[in-house]
Structures are given as structure tokens and as C-alpha cells.
Amino acid sequence: MKLTRKDWSIITLAFVFFALLVWVVYWFFYLPVREEKERLTTEISNEEKLTGVLDERLTAMKGGSLETTAALQRVVPVKPMTDQLLIDLEKAEVVSGGLITKMDFTESPMAAAAEGEAVETPAGLQKLTAVLTLEADDYFMIEGFIEELERTQRIVEIEEISLEGPEELKNMNDETEKIEYGVTFSTFFLPEAETTEGDAKATDSPPSAHKNDPFQQFPDSTVGE
């Protein structure tokens, strides 16, 4: 059977339509579901870590182990401990080679777990959310900052990373532009009775460098505890 030009046109259109259909299903149905699944998996994993740490901390408090309690408070402290978080951010900034140009912190209570969820959010748990604007020379600086941030002792949940890639260089002599990107992440703290708040001082903080403003590169930052 010899196919005519019209037959080939129909076959080509059918193939294009099928390819377009696959693309639409992937981008608008499969990909969002997969990303939502990954997000929920990360949230459940973080909440399981939080629950485990809090259980260990309660056990340590009942047993009178101040050393263990202090170690656990480095993971989930009783106060926001924004000053320690700033030190961790400065370390990530130095190690990655990037630059934080702006930061904002907000505190909010954790939403109660919905009925039927696998992990129940501990009562009284508070969330400290940081919104950062940064500059980097290349992708590896961005990756290095995120990796260093996730190495901190406190539980950190990366919520969003937004960036726009640099424009393509037209000439070899053109200077590369800085990549501006944003990072939104949350960490957690659990306020407790005044008898345990004193243990928050047990976190390891470096001695003061006697600077009036150790974060002079953050003129627009707002920090709240």
C-alpha cells in the first residue's frame, strides 16, 4: 500500500499531537504531583526528626542530663536563637563565597497536623522563617551555600529557592554578571518553662569580637527575636 502525501501529513500531525499530549500530561499533571509528593516527604521527614529530638530532650530533662539537654537544644532550642542563626549564615556565606544582601525573619506557630497525617506536630512548636536575598558568581556558589546551611546543627527546612540565570555572554571580553537569587528556609524552636530556658545559654557561641556591627554588609536586614 502506497501512502499519499495526505496520508503522511495525517500521520505527522497525529505524531505531533501525541507528543504534545505527552508533554502537557508530564508538565501539568505528573510533574506537579511528583513535586508535591517530594515536598510532603520532606515535611514528614523533618517532623519525624523534630518529634524524635523532642522526645529525647524530654527524656534527658527527666533524667537530669544537662549535657544531653544542651546538645538537643542546639537542634531545637527553646528560643529563636537568631544570633546563633546569623553566625551560621555568615559561616555559610564565607564558605560558599557568596554574599547575603538582605534578610528578613518572621516567627509563627506551626500549623496543627491535619487529621490522618502520619506525623503529629509537637504542641507549642514555633517556626522561624528566614527570607534571604543573595548574590553569587556561579551555580557552585549557590550549591555551596545551600549545602553549608543544611549542615548546621539546627533542623533546617529549605522551602523555596528562586533565581534567574545570567544572560549569555556575547563576547569573550564581557564581564559575567552576578547571579541574584533568593532562599526561603525555616528552622524551629519550642518554648518551655522558665526552668529550662537557662539551658539555652549552653549553646556554643564564639566570644564577642567587640564590633559595633559585625554584619555591616546587611544594612537593610531586620532581625527579630
N, C-alpha and C. Protein backbone atom coordinates (compact mmCIF):
# COMPACT_ATOMS: atom_id res chain seq x y z
N MET A 1 0.85 -1.20 0.00
CA MET A 1 0.00 0.00 0.00
C MET A 1 0.88 1.24 0.00
N LYS A 2 0.66 2.08 -0.97
CA LYS A 2 1.46 3.29 -1.09
C LYS A 2 0.74 4.45 -0.42
N LEU A 3 1.48 5.11 0.50
CA LEU A 3 0.90 6.23 1.23
C LEU A 3 1.04 7.51 0.41
N THR A 4 -0.04 8.25 0.38
CA THR A 4 -0.02 9.52 -0.33
C THR A 4 0.53 10.62 0.57
N ARG A 5 0.76 11.77 -0.04
CA ARG A 5 1.26 12.91 0.75
C ARG A 5 0.25 13.29 1.83
N LYS A 6 -1.03 13.15 1.53
CA LYS A 6 -2.06 13.46 2.51
C LYS A 6 -1.98 12.51 3.70
N ASP A 7 -1.73 11.21 3.40
CA ASP A 7 -1.61 10.22 4.48
C ASP A 7 -0.42 10.55 5.38
N TRP A 8 0.70 10.92 4.77
CA TRP A 8 1.88 11.27 5.57
C TRP A 8 1.62 12.51 6.42
N SER A 9 0.86 13.44 5.88
CA SER A 9 0.53 14.65 6.64
C SER A 9 -0.30 14.30 7.86
N ILE A 10 -1.26 13.39 7.67
CA ILE A 10 -2.11 12.97 8.79
C ILE A 10 -1.27 12.25 9.85
N ILE A 11 -0.37 11.37 9.40
CA ILE A 11 0.49 10.63 10.34
C ILE A 11 1.38 11.60 11.12
N THR A 12 1.95 12.58 10.41
CA THR A 12 2.82 13.57 11.06
C THR A 12 2.05 14.39 12.09
N LEU A 13 0.85 14.84 11.71
CA LEU A 13 0.03 15.61 12.64
C LEU A 13 -0.35 14.78 13.86
N ALA A 14 -0.67 13.49 13.63
CA ALA A 14 -1.02 12.62 14.74
C ALA A 14 0.16 12.44 15.70
N PHE A 15 1.36 12.31 15.13
CA PHE A 15 2.56 12.15 15.95
C PHE A 15 2.82 13.42 16.77
N VAL A 16 2.69 14.58 16.10
CA VAL A 16 2.90 15.86 16.80
C VAL A 16 1.87 16.03 17.91
N PHE A 17 0.62 15.69 17.62
CA PHE A 17 -0.44 15.80 18.63
C PHE A 17 -0.15 14.89 19.82
N PHE A 18 0.30 13.66 19.54
CA PHE A 18 0.60 12.72 20.61
C PHE A 18 1.76 13.23 21.46
N ALA A 19 2.81 13.75 20.80
CA ALA A 19 3.96 14.29 21.54
C ALA A 19 3.55 15.47 22.40
N LEU A 20 2.69 16.33 21.85
CA LEU A 20 2.20 17.48 22.61
C LEU A 20 1.37 17.04 23.80
N LEU A 21 0.56 16.00 23.60
CA LEU A 21 -0.27 15.48 24.69
C LEU A 21 0.61 14.93 25.82
N VAL A 22 1.65 14.19 25.45
CA VAL A 22 2.58 13.65 26.46
C VAL A 22 3.24 14.79 27.22
N TRP A 23 3.65 15.84 26.51
CA TRP A 23 4.30 16.98 27.15
C TRP A 23 3.37 17.67 28.13
N VAL A 24 2.10 17.86 27.73
CA VAL A 24 1.12 18.52 28.60
C VAL A 24 0.87 17.68 29.84
N VAL A 25 0.70 16.38 29.67
CA VAL A 25 0.45 15.49 30.81
C VAL A 25 1.63 15.52 31.77
N TYR A 26 2.85 15.52 31.22
CA TYR A 26 4.04 15.50 32.08
C TYR A 26 4.17 16.79 32.87
N TRP A 27 4.08 17.94 32.20
CA TRP A 27 4.35 19.22 32.85
C TRP A 27 3.20 19.70 33.73
N PHE A 28 1.97 19.40 33.37
CA PHE A 28 0.84 19.96 34.09
C PHE A 28 0.15 18.95 35.02
N PHE A 29 0.50 17.69 34.92
CA PHE A 29 -0.11 16.69 35.79
C PHE A 29 0.93 15.88 36.56
N TYR A 30 1.83 15.21 35.86
CA TYR A 30 2.79 14.33 36.53
C TYR A 30 3.79 15.12 37.36
N LEU A 31 4.40 16.17 36.77
CA LEU A 31 5.45 16.91 37.47
C LEU A 31 4.94 17.59 38.74
N PRO A 32 3.79 18.28 38.72
CA PRO A 32 3.29 18.88 39.97
C PRO A 32 3.01 17.85 41.05
N VAL A 33 2.46 16.70 40.66
CA VAL A 33 2.18 15.64 41.64
C VAL A 33 3.48 15.12 42.24
N ARG A 34 4.51 14.94 41.40
CA ARG A 34 5.79 14.44 41.90
C ARG A 34 6.43 15.44 42.85
N GLU A 35 6.38 16.73 42.49
CA GLU A 35 6.96 17.76 43.35
C GLU A 35 6.21 17.85 44.68
N GLU A 36 4.89 17.73 44.63
CA GLU A 36 4.11 17.76 45.86
C GLU A 36 4.43 16.56 46.74
N LYS A 37 4.63 15.41 46.11
CA LYS A 37 5.00 14.21 46.87
C LYS A 37 6.35 14.39 47.54
N GLU A 38 7.32 14.96 46.80
CA GLU A 38 8.64 15.20 47.38
C GLU A 38 8.57 16.20 48.53
N ARG A 39 7.73 17.23 48.37
CA ARG A 39 7.58 18.23 49.43
C ARG A 39 6.99 17.61 50.69
N LEU A 40 5.94 16.81 50.51
CA LEU A 40 5.31 16.16 51.66
C LEU A 40 6.26 15.17 52.32
N THR A 41 7.04 14.45 51.51
CA THR A 41 8.02 13.51 52.07
C THR A 41 9.05 14.24 52.91
N THR A 42 9.51 15.40 52.42
CA THR A 42 10.48 16.20 53.18
C THR A 42 9.87 16.71 54.47
N GLU A 43 8.63 17.19 54.41
CA GLU A 43 7.96 17.70 55.60
C GLU A 43 7.80 16.59 56.64
N ILE A 44 7.38 15.41 56.19
CA ILE A 44 7.20 14.30 57.13
C ILE A 44 8.52 13.91 57.75
N SER A 45 9.58 13.89 56.93
CA SER A 45 10.91 13.54 57.45
C SER A 45 11.36 14.55 58.50
N ASN A 46 11.15 15.85 58.22
CA ASN A 46 11.54 16.88 59.19
C ASN A 46 10.74 16.79 60.47
N GLU A 47 9.43 16.53 60.34
CA GLU A 47 8.59 16.42 61.53
C GLU A 47 8.95 15.19 62.35
N GLU A 48 9.34 14.11 61.67
CA GLU A 48 9.79 12.93 62.40
C GLU A 48 11.07 13.24 63.18
N LYS A 49 11.99 14.01 62.55
CA LYS A 49 13.21 14.40 63.24
C LYS A 49 12.88 15.27 64.45
N LEU A 50 11.96 16.23 64.26
CA LEU A 50 11.57 17.11 65.35
C LEU A 50 10.97 16.32 66.51
N THR A 51 10.07 15.41 66.18
CA THR A 51 9.44 14.60 67.22
C THR A 51 10.47 13.77 67.96
N GLY A 52 11.41 13.18 67.21
CA GLY A 52 12.45 12.37 67.85
C GLY A 52 13.32 13.20 68.77
N VAL A 53 13.71 14.41 68.31
CA VAL A 53 14.55 15.28 69.13
C VAL A 53 13.82 15.71 70.39
N LEU A 54 12.54 16.06 70.26
CA LEU A 54 11.78 16.50 71.42
C LEU A 54 11.59 15.37 72.42
N ASP A 55 11.35 14.17 71.93
CA ASP A 55 11.24 13.02 72.83
C ASP A 55 12.55 12.80 73.59
N GLU A 56 13.67 12.90 72.88
CA GLU A 56 14.97 12.73 73.53
C GLU A 56 15.21 13.83 74.56
N ARG A 57 14.78 15.04 74.22
CA ARG A 57 15.00 16.16 75.14
C ARG A 57 14.18 15.99 76.41
N LEU A 58 12.93 15.56 76.26
CA LEU A 58 12.10 15.32 77.44
C LEU A 58 12.70 14.23 78.31
N THR A 59 13.20 13.17 77.68
CA THR A 59 13.83 12.08 78.43
C THR A 59 15.06 12.58 79.17
N ALA A 60 15.87 13.41 78.49
CA ALA A 60 17.08 13.94 79.12
C ALA A 60 16.74 14.85 80.29
N MET A 61 15.68 15.66 80.13
CA MET A 61 15.28 16.56 81.21
C MET A 61 14.81 15.79 82.43
N LYS A 62 14.05 14.73 82.20
CA LYS A 62 13.58 13.92 83.32
C LYS A 62 14.73 13.21 84.01
N GLY A 63 15.74 12.83 83.21
CA GLY A 63 16.89 12.13 83.78
C GLY A 63 17.92 13.05 84.36
N GLY A 64 17.72 14.37 84.19
CA GLY A 64 18.65 15.32 84.76
C GLY A 64 19.96 15.44 84.00
N SER A 65 20.01 15.02 82.74
CA SER A 65 21.24 15.09 81.96
C SER A 65 21.31 16.45 81.27
N LEU A 66 22.00 17.41 81.90
CA LEU A 66 22.10 18.76 81.34
C LEU A 66 22.91 18.77 80.05
N GLU A 67 23.93 17.91 79.98
CA GLU A 67 24.78 17.86 78.79
C GLU A 67 23.97 17.43 77.57
N THR A 68 23.15 16.38 77.77
CA THR A 68 22.32 15.90 76.66
C THR A 68 21.27 16.93 76.28
N THR A 69 20.67 17.57 77.31
CA THR A 69 19.66 18.59 77.04
C THR A 69 20.24 19.75 76.24
N ALA A 70 21.45 20.18 76.61
CA ALA A 70 22.10 21.28 75.89
C ALA A 70 22.38 20.90 74.45
N ALA A 71 22.81 19.66 74.23
CA ALA A 71 23.10 19.20 72.87
C ALA A 71 21.83 19.19 72.02
N LEU A 72 20.72 18.75 72.62
CA LEU A 72 19.47 18.69 71.88
C LEU A 72 18.92 20.09 71.60
N GLN A 73 19.21 21.03 72.50
CA GLN A 73 18.73 22.39 72.28
C GLN A 73 19.46 23.08 71.14
N ARG A 74 20.60 22.54 70.75
CA ARG A 74 21.26 23.08 69.57
C ARG A 74 20.51 22.69 68.30
N VAL A 75 19.70 21.64 68.40
CA VAL A 75 18.91 21.17 67.26
C VAL A 75 17.54 21.85 67.25
N VAL A 76 16.87 21.85 68.40
CA VAL A 76 15.58 22.55 68.56
C VAL A 76 15.67 23.34 69.87
N PRO A 77 16.08 24.60 69.82
CA PRO A 77 16.23 25.38 71.05
C PRO A 77 14.89 25.81 71.62
N VAL A 78 14.94 26.42 72.82
CA VAL A 78 13.71 26.89 73.46
C VAL A 78 13.40 28.33 73.06
N LYS A 79 14.35 29.00 72.43
CA LYS A 79 14.18 30.36 71.95
C LYS A 79 14.57 30.42 70.47
N PRO A 80 14.20 31.50 69.77
CA PRO A 80 14.56 31.59 68.35
C PRO A 80 16.06 31.51 68.09
N MET A 81 16.88 32.02 69.03
CA MET A 81 18.34 31.98 68.89
C MET A 81 18.77 32.54 67.54
N THR A 82 18.21 33.71 67.22
CA THR A 82 18.52 34.33 65.94
C THR A 82 19.98 34.70 65.82
N ASP A 83 20.61 35.07 66.97
CA ASP A 83 22.02 35.44 66.92
C ASP A 83 22.89 34.27 66.47
N GLN A 84 22.58 33.07 66.97
CA GLN A 84 23.33 31.89 66.55
C GLN A 84 23.07 31.56 65.08
N LEU A 85 21.82 31.77 64.66
CA LEU A 85 21.48 31.52 63.25
C LEU A 85 22.24 32.48 62.33
N LEU A 86 22.42 33.72 62.78
CA LEU A 86 23.20 34.69 61.99
C LEU A 86 24.64 34.23 61.84
N ILE A 87 25.19 33.65 62.91
CA ILE A 87 26.56 33.14 62.84
C ILE A 87 26.64 32.00 61.82
N ASP A 88 25.63 31.11 61.84
CA ASP A 88 25.61 30.00 60.88
C ASP A 88 25.49 30.52 59.45
N LEU A 89 24.69 31.56 59.25
CA LEU A 89 24.53 32.14 57.92
C LEU A 89 25.82 32.80 57.45
N GLU A 90 26.50 33.49 58.36
CA GLU A 90 27.76 34.12 57.98
C GLU A 90 28.79 33.05 57.60
N LYS A 91 28.79 31.93 58.33
CA LYS A 91 29.71 30.84 58.01
C LYS A 91 29.41 30.29 56.61
N ALA A 92 28.12 30.05 56.32
CA ALA A 92 27.74 29.54 55.00
C ALA A 92 28.12 30.53 53.91
N GLU A 93 27.99 31.81 54.22
CA GLU A 93 28.35 32.86 53.26
C GLU A 93 29.84 32.83 52.96
N VAL A 94 30.66 32.71 54.02
CA VAL A 94 32.12 32.71 53.84
C VAL A 94 32.58 31.46 53.10
N VAL A 95 32.05 30.30 53.50
CA VAL A 95 32.47 29.04 52.89
C VAL A 95 32.10 28.99 51.42
N SER A 96 30.90 29.45 51.07
CA SER A 96 30.44 29.38 49.68
C SER A 96 31.05 30.48 48.81
N GLY A 97 31.44 31.58 49.44
CA GLY A 97 31.98 32.70 48.67
C GLY A 97 30.93 33.65 48.15
N GLY A 98 29.67 33.42 48.51
CA GLY A 98 28.59 34.30 48.07
C GLY A 98 28.42 35.50 48.98
N LEU A 99 27.34 36.24 48.79
CA LEU A 99 27.08 37.44 49.58
C LEU A 99 25.59 37.57 49.87
N ILE A 100 25.24 37.69 51.15
CA ILE A 100 23.86 37.95 51.54
C ILE A 100 23.64 39.45 51.50
N THR A 101 22.68 39.90 50.71
CA THR A 101 22.42 41.33 50.57
C THR A 101 21.21 41.79 51.38
N LYS A 102 20.34 40.86 51.74
CA LYS A 102 19.16 41.23 52.52
C LYS A 102 18.62 39.99 53.21
N MET A 103 18.07 40.20 54.41
CA MET A 103 17.44 39.08 55.11
C MET A 103 16.30 39.60 55.98
N ASP A 104 15.28 38.78 56.10
CA ASP A 104 14.14 39.08 56.96
C ASP A 104 13.75 37.82 57.72
N PHE A 105 13.40 37.99 58.99
CA PHE A 105 12.98 36.86 59.82
C PHE A 105 11.56 37.09 60.32
N THR A 106 10.77 36.03 60.34
CA THR A 106 9.43 36.08 60.91
C THR A 106 9.21 34.84 61.75
N GLU A 107 8.49 35.02 62.86
CA GLU A 107 8.16 33.90 63.73
C GLU A 107 6.67 33.60 63.61
N SER A 108 6.33 32.33 63.64
CA SER A 108 4.93 31.93 63.53
C SER A 108 4.76 30.55 64.15
N PRO A 109 3.57 30.27 64.70
CA PRO A 109 3.33 28.93 65.24
C PRO A 109 3.18 27.91 64.12
N MET A 110 3.61 26.69 64.39
CA MET A 110 3.42 25.62 63.42
C MET A 110 1.96 25.26 63.34
N ALA A 111 1.47 25.05 62.12
CA ALA A 111 0.08 24.64 61.94
C ALA A 111 -0.12 23.25 62.50
N ALA A 112 -1.26 23.05 63.14
CA ALA A 112 -1.56 21.74 63.70
C ALA A 112 -1.71 20.72 62.58
N ALA A 113 -1.29 19.50 62.87
CA ALA A 113 -1.37 18.44 61.86
C ALA A 113 -2.82 18.11 61.55
N ALA A 114 -3.11 17.93 60.28
CA ALA A 114 -4.46 17.56 59.88
C ALA A 114 -4.76 16.13 60.31
N GLU A 115 -6.03 15.88 60.50
CA GLU A 115 -6.44 14.54 60.93
C GLU A 115 -6.05 13.50 59.89
N GLY A 116 -5.39 12.45 60.34
CA GLY A 116 -4.97 11.39 59.45
C GLY A 116 -3.55 11.52 58.96
N GLU A 117 -2.85 12.63 59.30
CA GLU A 117 -1.47 12.78 58.88
C GLU A 117 -0.58 11.81 59.64
N ALA A 118 0.52 11.38 58.97
CA ALA A 118 1.38 10.35 59.54
C ALA A 118 2.10 10.82 60.79
N VAL A 119 2.50 12.09 60.84
CA VAL A 119 3.27 12.61 61.97
C VAL A 119 2.53 13.79 62.57
N GLU A 120 2.37 13.79 63.89
CA GLU A 120 1.69 14.86 64.59
C GLU A 120 2.69 15.94 64.98
N THR A 121 2.38 17.20 64.68
CA THR A 121 3.26 18.30 65.04
C THR A 121 3.27 18.48 66.55
N PRO A 122 4.45 18.54 67.17
CA PRO A 122 4.52 18.72 68.63
C PRO A 122 3.81 20.00 69.06
N ALA A 123 3.06 19.93 70.16
CA ALA A 123 2.32 21.08 70.65
C ALA A 123 3.28 22.20 71.05
N GLY A 124 2.93 23.42 70.68
CA GLY A 124 3.73 24.58 71.06
C GLY A 124 4.92 24.86 70.17
N LEU A 125 5.13 24.05 69.15
CA LEU A 125 6.29 24.23 68.28
C LEU A 125 6.16 25.53 67.48
N GLN A 126 7.22 26.32 67.46
CA GLN A 126 7.24 27.58 66.74
C GLN A 126 8.20 27.49 65.55
N LYS A 127 7.91 28.26 64.53
CA LYS A 127 8.73 28.25 63.32
C LYS A 127 9.35 29.62 63.11
N LEU A 128 10.64 29.64 62.83
CA LEU A 128 11.36 30.86 62.48
C LEU A 128 11.71 30.77 60.99
N THR A 129 11.10 31.64 60.20
CA THR A 129 11.30 31.62 58.75
C THR A 129 12.22 32.76 58.33
N ALA A 130 13.20 32.44 57.53
CA ALA A 130 14.15 33.43 57.02
C ALA A 130 14.01 33.55 55.52
N VAL A 131 13.94 34.78 55.04
CA VAL A 131 13.89 35.06 53.60
C VAL A 131 15.16 35.82 53.25
N LEU A 132 16.01 35.21 52.45
CA LEU A 132 17.31 35.79 52.11
C LEU A 132 17.37 36.18 50.64
N THR A 133 18.07 37.26 50.37
CA THR A 133 18.45 37.64 49.01
C THR A 133 19.97 37.59 48.95
N LEU A 134 20.50 36.89 47.95
CA LEU A 134 21.94 36.67 47.88
C LEU A 134 22.47 36.94 46.48
N GLU A 135 23.80 37.08 46.41
CA GLU A 135 24.50 37.19 45.14
C GLU A 135 25.57 36.12 45.06
N ALA A 136 25.76 35.57 43.87
CA ALA A 136 26.79 34.54 43.66
C ALA A 136 27.39 34.72 42.29
N ASP A 137 28.62 34.24 42.15
CA ASP A 137 29.30 34.33 40.85
C ASP A 137 28.85 33.23 39.90
N ASP A 138 28.51 32.06 40.46
CA ASP A 138 28.14 30.93 39.62
C ASP A 138 27.25 29.96 40.40
N TYR A 139 26.85 28.90 39.72
CA TYR A 139 25.96 27.90 40.32
C TYR A 139 26.58 27.22 41.52
N PHE A 140 27.89 26.99 41.47
CA PHE A 140 28.55 26.25 42.53
C PHE A 140 28.55 27.03 43.85
N MET A 141 28.56 28.35 43.78
CA MET A 141 28.44 29.15 44.99
C MET A 141 27.06 28.98 45.61
N ILE A 142 26.04 28.93 44.75
CA ILE A 142 24.68 28.72 45.24
C ILE A 142 24.57 27.36 45.91
N GLU A 143 25.07 26.35 45.23
CA GLU A 143 25.03 24.99 45.76
C GLU A 143 25.80 24.89 47.08
N GLY A 144 26.97 25.55 47.13
CA GLY A 144 27.78 25.51 48.34
C GLY A 144 27.08 26.16 49.52
N PHE A 145 26.37 27.27 49.29
CA PHE A 145 25.66 27.94 50.37
C PHE A 145 24.55 27.04 50.93
N ILE A 146 23.77 26.44 50.03
CA ILE A 146 22.67 25.57 50.47
C ILE A 146 23.21 24.37 51.25
N GLU A 147 24.27 23.75 50.74
CA GLU A 147 24.84 22.59 51.42
C GLU A 147 25.37 22.96 52.80
N GLU A 148 26.02 24.11 52.91
CA GLU A 148 26.56 24.53 54.21
C GLU A 148 25.42 24.86 55.17
N LEU A 149 24.36 25.45 54.66
CA LEU A 149 23.20 25.76 55.50
C LEU A 149 22.57 24.50 56.05
N GLU A 150 22.50 23.46 55.23
CA GLU A 150 21.89 22.20 55.67
C GLU A 150 22.79 21.42 56.62
N ARG A 151 24.06 21.82 56.75
CA ARG A 151 24.97 21.15 57.68
C ARG A 151 24.87 21.69 59.10
N THR A 152 24.12 22.76 59.31
CA THR A 152 24.02 23.34 60.64
C THR A 152 23.37 22.34 61.59
N GLN A 153 23.66 22.52 62.89
CA GLN A 153 23.12 21.59 63.88
C GLN A 153 21.60 21.69 63.99
N ARG A 154 21.06 22.89 63.82
CA ARG A 154 19.62 23.04 63.91
C ARG A 154 18.95 22.40 62.69
N ILE A 155 17.75 21.91 62.91
CA ILE A 155 16.98 21.35 61.80
C ILE A 155 16.56 22.50 60.88
N VAL A 156 16.92 22.40 59.62
CA VAL A 156 16.63 23.45 58.64
C VAL A 156 15.79 22.84 57.51
N GLU A 157 14.72 23.53 57.18
CA GLU A 157 13.84 23.08 56.09
C GLU A 157 13.86 24.12 54.97
N ILE A 158 14.48 23.77 53.85
CA ILE A 158 14.51 24.68 52.70
C ILE A 158 13.13 24.69 52.05
N GLU A 159 12.49 25.84 52.01
CA GLU A 159 11.14 25.93 51.47
C GLU A 159 11.10 26.40 50.02
N GLU A 160 12.02 27.27 49.66
CA GLU A 160 11.98 27.80 48.29
C GLU A 160 13.35 28.34 47.89
N ILE A 161 13.73 28.10 46.64
CA ILE A 161 14.92 28.69 46.04
C ILE A 161 14.49 29.31 44.72
N SER A 162 14.71 30.58 44.57
CA SER A 162 14.31 31.27 43.34
C SER A 162 15.52 31.98 42.75
N LEU A 163 15.69 31.86 41.44
CA LEU A 163 16.81 32.53 40.78
C LEU A 163 16.53 32.67 39.30
N GLU A 164 17.26 33.58 38.71
CA GLU A 164 17.24 33.76 37.26
C GLU A 164 18.66 33.60 36.76
N GLY A 165 18.85 32.75 35.77
CA GLY A 165 20.19 32.52 35.25
C GLY A 165 20.76 33.77 34.59
N PRO A 166 22.07 33.91 34.59
CA PRO A 166 22.70 35.09 33.96
C PRO A 166 22.50 35.08 32.45
N GLU A 167 22.55 36.27 31.87
CA GLU A 167 22.42 36.37 30.42
C GLU A 167 23.64 35.77 29.74
N GLU A 168 23.41 35.18 28.58
CA GLU A 168 24.51 34.55 27.84
C GLU A 168 25.49 35.61 27.34
N LEU A 169 26.78 35.31 27.54
CA LEU A 169 27.81 36.25 27.10
C LEU A 169 27.88 36.27 25.57
N LYS A 170 27.93 37.47 24.99
CA LYS A 170 28.02 37.61 23.54
C LYS A 170 29.46 37.72 23.08
N ASN A 171 30.31 38.25 23.95
CA ASN A 171 31.73 38.40 23.62
C ASN A 171 32.57 37.84 24.76
N MET A 172 33.72 37.32 24.43
CA MET A 172 34.61 36.75 25.43
C MET A 172 35.07 37.79 26.44
N ASN A 173 35.10 39.06 26.03
CA ASN A 173 35.59 40.12 26.91
C ASN A 173 34.51 40.67 27.85
N ASP A 174 33.27 40.23 27.65
CA ASP A 174 32.19 40.70 28.51
C ASP A 174 32.37 40.18 29.93
N GLU A 175 32.09 41.03 30.91
CA GLU A 175 32.18 40.62 32.30
C GLU A 175 30.92 39.83 32.69
N THR A 176 31.13 38.78 33.46
CA THR A 176 29.99 37.99 33.91
C THR A 176 29.23 38.74 35.00
N GLU A 177 27.92 38.67 34.93
CA GLU A 177 27.09 39.34 35.92
C GLU A 177 26.90 38.46 37.14
N LYS A 178 26.68 39.12 38.27
CA LYS A 178 26.37 38.39 39.50
C LYS A 178 24.99 37.74 39.36
N ILE A 179 24.86 36.55 39.91
CA ILE A 179 23.57 35.88 39.92
C ILE A 179 22.86 36.25 41.22
N GLU A 180 21.71 36.87 41.11
CA GLU A 180 20.91 37.18 42.30
C GLU A 180 19.87 36.08 42.50
N TYR A 181 19.81 35.57 43.70
CA TYR A 181 18.85 34.51 43.97
C TYR A 181 18.29 34.65 45.37
N GLY A 182 17.20 33.98 45.61
CA GLY A 182 16.54 34.04 46.91
C GLY A 182 16.42 32.66 47.53
N VAL A 183 16.54 32.62 48.84
CA VAL A 183 16.38 31.37 49.59
C VAL A 183 15.42 31.62 50.75
N THR A 184 14.41 30.80 50.86
CA THR A 184 13.50 30.85 52.00
C THR A 184 13.61 29.53 52.75
N PHE A 185 13.92 29.61 54.03
CA PHE A 185 14.04 28.39 54.83
C PHE A 185 13.45 28.62 56.21
N SER A 186 13.15 27.54 56.89
CA SER A 186 12.60 27.61 58.24
C SER A 186 13.40 26.74 59.18
N THR A 187 13.47 27.18 60.41
CA THR A 187 14.02 26.38 61.48
C THR A 187 13.04 26.48 62.64
N PHE A 188 13.24 25.74 63.71
CA PHE A 188 12.19 25.58 64.70
C PHE A 188 12.72 25.79 66.11
N PHE A 189 11.80 26.16 67.01
CA PHE A 189 12.12 26.25 68.43
C PHE A 189 10.87 25.93 69.23
N LEU A 190 11.08 25.47 70.45
CA LEU A 190 9.96 25.04 71.29
C LEU A 190 10.05 25.73 72.64
N PRO A 191 9.28 26.80 72.85
CA PRO A 191 9.29 27.48 74.15
C PRO A 191 8.84 26.53 75.25
N GLU A 192 9.55 26.60 76.38
CA GLU A 192 9.22 25.74 77.51
C GLU A 192 9.17 26.58 78.77
N ALA A 193 9.07 25.91 79.91
CA ALA A 193 9.00 26.59 81.20
C ALA A 193 10.30 27.35 81.46
N GLU A 194 10.22 28.36 82.35
CA GLU A 194 11.39 29.18 82.64
C GLU A 194 12.54 28.37 83.20
N THR A 195 12.25 27.25 83.82
CA THR A 195 13.32 26.44 84.43
C THR A 195 14.24 25.85 83.39
N THR A 196 13.76 25.72 82.14
CA THR A 196 14.61 25.14 81.10
C THR A 196 15.21 26.19 80.19
N GLU A 197 14.71 27.44 80.28
CA GLU A 197 15.22 28.46 79.38
C GLU A 197 16.69 28.77 79.64
N GLY A 198 17.14 28.57 80.87
CA GLY A 198 18.53 28.83 81.18
C GLY A 198 19.46 27.93 80.43
N ASP A 199 18.98 26.75 80.04
CA ASP A 199 19.82 25.83 79.29
C ASP A 199 20.12 26.34 77.89
N ALA A 200 19.32 27.30 77.41
CA ALA A 200 19.56 27.83 76.07
C ALA A 200 20.92 28.50 75.98
N LYS A 201 21.44 28.95 77.12
CA LYS A 201 22.75 29.59 77.13
C LYS A 201 23.87 28.59 76.91
N ALA A 202 23.53 27.31 76.95
CA ALA A 202 24.57 26.29 76.82
C ALA A 202 25.03 26.10 75.39
N THR A 203 24.36 26.75 74.42
CA THR A 203 24.80 26.60 73.03
C THR A 203 26.15 27.23 72.85
N ASP A 204 26.97 26.64 72.01
CA ASP A 204 28.33 27.12 71.78
C ASP A 204 28.30 28.31 70.85
N SER A 205 28.57 29.49 71.37
CA SER A 205 28.68 30.70 70.57
C SER A 205 30.07 31.26 70.73
N PRO A 206 30.69 31.74 69.67
CA PRO A 206 32.04 32.27 69.78
C PRO A 206 32.05 33.55 70.60
N PRO A 207 33.18 33.92 71.22
CA PRO A 207 33.25 35.14 72.00
C PRO A 207 33.06 36.36 71.13
N SER A 208 32.64 37.45 71.75
CA SER A 208 32.40 38.68 71.02
C SER A 208 33.68 39.20 70.40
N ALA A 209 33.57 39.72 69.18
CA ALA A 209 34.72 40.32 68.50
C ALA A 209 34.81 41.81 68.77
N HIS A 210 33.93 42.31 69.70
CA HIS A 210 33.91 43.73 70.08
C HIS A 210 33.68 44.63 68.87
N LYS A 211 32.77 44.21 68.01
CA LYS A 211 32.40 45.03 66.86
C LYS A 211 31.07 45.71 67.14
N ASN A 212 30.94 46.95 66.70
CA ASN A 212 29.65 47.62 66.85
C ASN A 212 28.60 46.99 65.96
N ASP A 213 29.00 46.58 64.78
CA ASP A 213 28.08 45.95 63.82
C ASP A 213 28.83 44.87 63.06
N PRO A 214 28.80 43.62 63.55
CA PRO A 214 29.55 42.55 62.88
C PRO A 214 28.96 42.16 61.54
N PHE A 215 27.76 42.67 61.20
CA PHE A 215 27.14 42.33 59.92
C PHE A 215 26.90 43.61 59.13
N GLN A 216 27.98 44.33 58.86
CA GLN A 216 27.85 45.61 58.20
C GLN A 216 27.37 45.49 56.76
N GLN A 217 27.48 44.28 56.19
CA GLN A 217 27.01 44.12 54.82
C GLN A 217 25.52 43.95 54.73
N PHE A 218 24.80 44.06 55.88
CA PHE A 218 23.35 43.87 55.87
C PHE A 218 22.66 45.15 56.34
N PRO A 219 22.75 46.25 55.61
CA PRO A 219 22.16 47.50 56.09
C PRO A 219 20.65 47.45 56.15
N ASP A 220 20.02 46.60 55.32
CA ASP A 220 18.56 46.58 55.26
C ASP A 220 17.95 45.42 56.00
N SER A 221 18.76 44.65 56.70
CA SER A 221 18.24 43.44 57.33
C SER A 221 17.44 43.81 58.55
N THR A 222 16.42 43.03 58.83
CA THR A 222 15.61 43.18 60.03
C THR A 222 15.64 41.87 60.76
N VAL A 223 16.06 41.93 62.00
CA VAL A 223 16.21 40.71 62.79
C VAL A 223 15.37 40.84 64.02
N GLY A 224 14.58 39.84 64.27
CA GLY A 224 13.76 39.85 65.47
C GLY A 224 13.91 38.59 66.25
N GLU A 225 13.88 38.69 67.56
CA GLU A 225 13.94 37.52 68.42
C GLU A 225 12.65 37.43 69.19
